[in-house]
Amino acid sequence: MIIYADMKNKTAAGEITAEEVRHVATLSRLSLDDKDVATFQGQLARILDYIAQLNEVDIEGVEPTTHTVSSLKNVFREDSLKPSLPVEEALKNAPERHQDFFRVPRVI
């Protein structure tokens, strides 16, 4: 079976071979045992069959969208200055502190 990057007008008929599953696993840097290969063989075949089904849907004249509900708009609040916590209040539960800062382990 050939796995198409562009499934338009292609069908996913037939079984996916174990060799194809191992090839995809190698490209993905995965190591699979025989049980996993058999599992993914069926799953990948079902995925490609579903993609083939989706390709049968007539989308002629349908505009591309970025969201399924086009009436939604981002709602932003106005930025406003507010007083922040006093240093003592912010650091009162800190397990360790150094002056007015949290002390954390060094990250290298």
Protein backbone atom coordinates (compact mmCIF):
# COMPACT_ATOMS: atom_id res chain seq x y z
CA MET A 1 0.00 0.00 0.00
CA ILE A 2 1.20 3.49 -0.79
CA ILE A 3 0.59 6.17 1.84
CA TYR A 4 -0.06 9.46 0.10
CA ALA A 5 0.93 12.78 1.62
CA ASP A 6 -1.86 14.37 -0.46
CA MET A 7 -4.88 12.08 -0.17
CA LYS A 8 -7.00 14.09 -2.62
CA ASN A 9 -8.58 11.65 -5.10
CA LYS A 10 -6.65 8.75 -3.55
CA THR A 11 -8.14 5.85 -1.62
CA ALA A 12 -6.67 3.88 1.24
CA ALA A 13 -7.89 0.53 -0.05
CA GLY A 14 -6.08 -2.54 1.16
CA GLU A 15 -4.08 -3.47 4.19
CA ILE A 16 -1.04 -1.70 5.51
CA THR A 17 1.86 -4.10 5.69
CA ALA A 18 3.97 -4.72 8.76
CA GLU A 19 6.97 -3.41 6.81
CA GLU A 20 5.18 -0.10 6.21
CA VAL A 21 4.40 0.20 9.93
CA ARG A 22 8.04 -0.51 10.79
CA HIS A 23 9.15 2.08 8.20
CA VAL A 24 6.88 4.76 9.72
CA ALA A 25 8.12 3.77 13.19
CA THR A 26 11.72 4.14 12.05
CA LEU A 27 10.99 7.59 10.62
CA SER A 28 9.38 8.48 13.96
CA ARG A 29 12.34 7.10 15.92
CA LEU A 30 10.10 4.51 17.62
CA SER A 31 10.99 0.95 18.43
CA LEU A 32 8.03 -1.40 18.17
CA ASP A 33 7.69 -5.06 19.05
CA ASP A 34 5.60 -7.42 16.90
CA LYS A 35 2.49 -6.87 19.05
CA ASP A 36 2.74 -3.09 18.59
CA VAL A 37 3.27 -3.49 14.85
CA ALA A 38 0.07 -5.55 14.59
CA THR A 39 -1.86 -3.01 16.67
CA PHE A 40 -0.67 -0.02 14.64
CA GLN A 41 -1.21 -1.87 11.38
CA GLY A 42 -4.96 -1.98 12.04
CA GLN A 43 -5.10 1.53 13.47
CA LEU A 44 -3.27 3.10 10.54
CA ALA A 45 -5.49 1.26 8.05
CA ARG A 46 -8.61 2.62 9.80
CA ILE A 47 -7.15 6.15 9.83
CA LEU A 48 -6.39 6.05 6.11
CA ASP A 49 -9.84 4.62 5.36
CA TYR A 50 -11.37 7.51 7.31
CA ILE A 51 -9.27 10.02 5.36
CA ALA A 52 -10.48 8.42 2.14
CA GLN A 53 -14.07 8.87 3.37
CA LEU A 54 -13.42 12.54 4.13
CA ASN A 55 -12.02 13.04 0.65
CA GLU A 56 -15.39 11.96 -0.79
CA VAL A 57 -17.15 14.95 0.82
CA ASP A 58 -18.06 17.68 -1.67
CA ILE A 59 -16.49 20.91 -0.42
CA GLU A 60 -16.87 22.86 -3.64
CA GLY A 61 -17.72 26.47 -2.79
CA VAL A 62 -16.99 26.11 0.94
CA GLU A 63 -14.78 28.92 2.17
CA PRO A 64 -11.82 27.96 4.37
CA THR A 65 -12.27 28.93 8.01
CA THR A 66 -10.01 29.31 10.99
CA HIS A 67 -12.78 28.51 13.46
CA THR A 68 -15.95 26.47 13.23
CA VAL A 69 -18.05 29.26 14.73
CA SER A 70 -17.39 32.34 12.63
CA SER A 71 -19.46 34.67 14.82
CA LEU A 72 -16.98 34.44 17.71
CA LYS A 73 -14.66 37.38 18.18
CA ASN A 74 -11.75 37.78 20.56
CA VAL A 75 -12.76 39.88 23.51
CA PHE A 76 -9.95 41.71 25.19
CA ARG A 77 -10.15 43.76 28.34
CA GLU A 78 -8.49 47.11 28.63
CA ASP A 79 -5.09 47.00 30.28
CA SER A 80 -5.13 48.88 33.53
CA LEU A 81 -2.56 49.39 36.22
CA LYS A 82 -3.31 47.68 39.50
CA PRO A 83 -1.20 47.51 42.59
CA SER A 84 0.76 44.28 42.89
CA LEU A 85 1.26 42.24 46.02
CA PRO A 86 3.70 43.62 48.54
CA VAL A 87 6.99 41.70 48.53
CA GLU A 88 6.41 40.28 52.00
CA GLU A 89 2.95 38.99 51.04
CA ALA A 90 4.21 37.43 47.80
CA LEU A 91 7.14 35.67 49.51
CA LYS A 92 5.46 34.65 52.77
CA ASN A 93 4.99 31.00 51.63
CA ALA A 94 8.26 30.70 49.72
CA PRO A 95 10.23 27.67 50.88
CA GLU A 96 13.45 29.68 50.45
CA ARG A 97 14.12 33.28 49.64
CA HIS A 98 17.10 35.53 49.06
CA GLN A 99 16.37 39.17 49.91
CA ASP A 100 13.28 40.07 47.85
CA PHE A 101 13.43 37.03 45.53
CA PHE A 102 12.46 33.37 45.47
CA ARG A 103 15.49 31.08 45.83
CA VAL A 104 15.33 28.15 43.42
CA PRO A 105 17.79 25.41 42.48
CA ARG A 106 20.29 26.34 39.79
CA VAL A 107 19.24 25.29 36.31
CA ILE A 108 22.03 24.61 33.86
